C-alpha atoms as a PDB file:
ATOM      1  CA  UNK A   1      28.561 143.087 122.125  1.00  0.00           C
ATOM      2  CA  UNK A   2      30.566 145.134 125.019  1.00  0.00           C
ATOM      3  CA  UNK A   3      32.872 145.562 127.762  1.00  0.00           C
ATOM      4  CA  UNK A   4      32.468 146.706 131.408  1.00  0.00           C
ATOM      5  CA  UNK A   5      34.349 150.477 131.497  1.00  0.00           C
ATOM      6  CA  UNK A   6      33.674 151.056 135.314  1.00  0.00           C
ATOM      7  CA  UNK A   7      31.266 150.191 138.080  1.00  0.00           C
ATOM      8  CA  UNK A   8      30.196 152.818 140.466  1.00  0.00           C
ATOM      9  CA  UNK A   9      29.724 151.084 143.726  1.00  0.00           C
ATOM     10  CA  UNK A  10      27.660 153.803 145.850  1.00  0.00           C
ATOM     11  CA  UNK A  11      25.534 154.879 143.024  1.00  0.00           C
ATOM     12  CA  UNK A  12      24.990 151.613 141.359  1.00  0.00           C
ATOM     13  CA  UNK A  13      25.907 152.240 137.809  1.00  0.00           C
ATOM     14  CA  UNK A  14      27.724 150.165 135.530  1.00  0.00           C
ATOM     15  CA  UNK A  15      29.350 152.317 132.266  1.00  0.00           C
ATOM     16  CA  UNK A  16      29.292 150.066 129.475  1.00  0.00           C
ATOM     17  CA  UNK A  17      31.225 150.699 126.270  1.00  0.00           C
ATOM     18  CA  UNK A  18      29.201 149.270 123.321  1.00  0.00           C
ATOM     19  CA  UNK A  19      32.030 147.695 120.582  1.00  0.00           C
ATOM     20  CA  UNK A  20      29.875 145.777 118.035  1.00  0.00           C
ATOM     21  CA  UNK A  21      26.222 145.786 117.416  1.00  0.00           C
ATOM     22  CA  UNK A  22      23.450 147.915 119.070  1.00  0.00           C
ATOM     23  CA  UNK A  23      21.241 148.487 121.932  1.00  0.00           C
ATOM     24  CA  UNK A  24      17.520 148.906 122.910  1.00  0.00           C
ATOM     25  CA  UNK A  25      15.484 149.841 125.858  1.00  0.00           C
ATOM     26  CA  UNK A  26      14.244 146.341 127.625  1.00  0.00           C
ATOM     27  CA  UNK A  27      17.135 144.692 125.924  1.00  0.00           C
ATOM     28  CA  UNK A  28      18.766 141.506 127.892  1.00  0.00           C
ATOM     29  CA  UNK A  29      21.918 141.063 128.747  1.00  0.00           C
ATOM     30  CA  UNK A  30      24.486 138.718 130.509  1.00  0.00           C
ATOM     31  CA  UNK A  31      27.662 140.214 131.857  1.00  0.00           C
ATOM     32  CA  UNK A  32      30.233 138.100 132.759  1.00  0.00           C
ATOM     33  CA  UNK A  33      33.621 138.212 134.090  1.00  0.00           C
ATOM     34  CA  UNK A  34      36.208 135.832 135.810  1.00  0.00           C
ATOM     35  CA  UNK A  35      35.627 137.003 139.562  1.00  0.00           C
ATOM     36  CA  UNK A  36      32.006 138.495 138.532  1.00  0.00           C
ATOM     37  CA  UNK A  37      30.371 135.232 137.306  1.00  0.00           C
ATOM     38  CA  UNK A  38      27.330 135.779 135.459  1.00  0.00           C
ATOM     39  CA  UNK A  39      24.988 138.843 136.079  1.00  0.00           C
ATOM     40  CA  UNK A  40      22.032 138.966 133.597  1.00  0.00           C
ATOM     41  CA  UNK A  41      19.752 142.427 133.827  1.00  0.00           C
ATOM     42  CA  UNK A  42      16.884 143.768 131.673  1.00  0.00           C
ATOM     43  CA  UNK A  43      18.106 147.355 130.770  1.00  0.00           C
ATOM     44  CA  UNK A  44      14.743 149.426 130.955  1.00  0.00           C
ATOM     45  CA  UNK A  45      16.778 152.595 131.410  1.00  0.00           C
ATOM     46  CA  UNK A  46      19.902 153.561 130.190  1.00  0.00           C
ATOM     47  CA  UNK A  47      21.831 157.282 129.681  1.00  0.00           C
ATOM     48  CA  UNK A  48      23.547 157.023 126.199  1.00  0.00           C
ATOM     49  CA  UNK A  49      26.729 159.451 126.251  1.00  0.00           C
ATOM     50  CA  UNK A  50      24.877 161.013 129.354  1.00  0.00           C
ATOM     51  CA  UNK A  51      21.663 161.513 127.677  1.00  0.00           C
ATOM     52  CA  UNK A  52      18.632 159.791 128.459  1.00  0.00           C
ATOM     53  CA  UNK A  53      18.016 157.079 125.227  1.00  0.00           C
ATOM     54  CA  UNK A  54      16.134 154.065 124.014  1.00  0.00           C
ATOM     55  CA  UNK A  55      18.771 152.712 121.639  1.00  0.00           C
ATOM     56  CA  UNK A  56      23.125 152.747 121.613  1.00  0.00           C
ATOM     57  CA  UNK A  57      25.190 151.385 118.664  1.00  0.00           C
ATOM     58  CA  UNK A  58      28.773 151.055 118.187  1.00  0.00           C
ATOM     59  CA  UNK A  59      30.428 152.825 119.904  1.00  0.00           C
ATOM     60  CA  UNK A  60      28.209 154.803 122.421  1.00  0.00           C
ATOM     61  CA  UNK A  61      28.844 154.426 126.351  1.00  0.00           C
ATOM     62  CA  UNK A  62      26.196 153.979 128.010  1.00  0.00           C
ATOM     63  CA  UNK A  63      25.332 153.880 132.090  1.00  0.00           C
ATOM     64  CA  UNK A  64      22.129 152.047 133.988  1.00  0.00           C
ATOM     65  CA  UNK A  65      21.782 151.254 137.396  1.00  0.00           C
ATOM     66  CA  UNK A  66      22.569 147.800 138.323  1.00  0.00           C
ATOM     67  CA  UNK A  67      22.535 146.577 142.240  1.00  0.00           C
ATOM     68  CA  UNK A  68      24.649 143.587 141.421  1.00  0.00           C
ATOM     69  CA  UNK A  69      28.562 144.346 141.708  1.00  0.00           C
ATOM     70  CA  UNK A  70      30.415 144.037 138.391  1.00  0.00           C
ATOM     71  CA  UNK A  71      34.140 144.533 137.293  1.00  0.00           C
ATOM     72  CA  UNK A  72      36.017 146.930 134.639  1.00  0.00           C
ATOM     73  CA  UNK A  73      36.522 144.399 132.042  1.00  0.00           C
ATOM     74  CA  UNK A  74      33.886 142.190 132.160  1.00  0.00           C
ATOM     75  CA  UNK A  75      32.530 141.212 128.695  1.00  0.00           C
ATOM     76  CA  UNK A  76      28.999 142.386 127.833  1.00  0.00           C
ATOM     77  CA  UNK A  77      26.654 140.171 125.869  1.00  0.00           C
ATOM     78  CA  UNK A  78      23.282 141.045 124.200  1.00  0.00           C
ATOM     79  CA  UNK A  79      20.735 137.914 125.507  1.00  0.00           C
ATOM     80  CA  UNK A  80      17.886 137.002 123.312  1.00  0.00           C
ATOM     81  CA  UNK A  81      15.548 133.865 123.472  1.00  0.00           C
ATOM     82  CA  UNK A  82      13.834 132.514 120.959  1.00  0.00           C
ATOM     83  CA  UNK A  83      10.530 130.586 121.291  1.00  0.00           C
ATOM     84  CA  UNK A  84       9.167 128.393 119.264  1.00  0.00           C
ATOM     85  CA  UNK A  85       5.538 128.095 118.549  1.00  0.00           C
ATOM     86  CA  UNK A  86       3.593 124.939 119.293  1.00  0.00           C
ATOM     87  CA  UNK A  87       2.185 123.004 116.755  1.00  0.00           C
END
């Protein structure tokens, strides 16, 4: 769905470009990179183009707090779990 533009270590903030689809508050993301490995996060709050938002779409840049180190160029994927009801 996007890529990491920057990670600000002192602020522990991720800056991401949404390249396809959309993101909503409380969505789960996987951030994957060759050196980074796999980082999973639930995005409970974020800024869209420097303003508080609950959704973002293709072309938007978002920023959110992330305690784990990620790197510019890492790929960002929307992660959804599909639960099947037991019969």
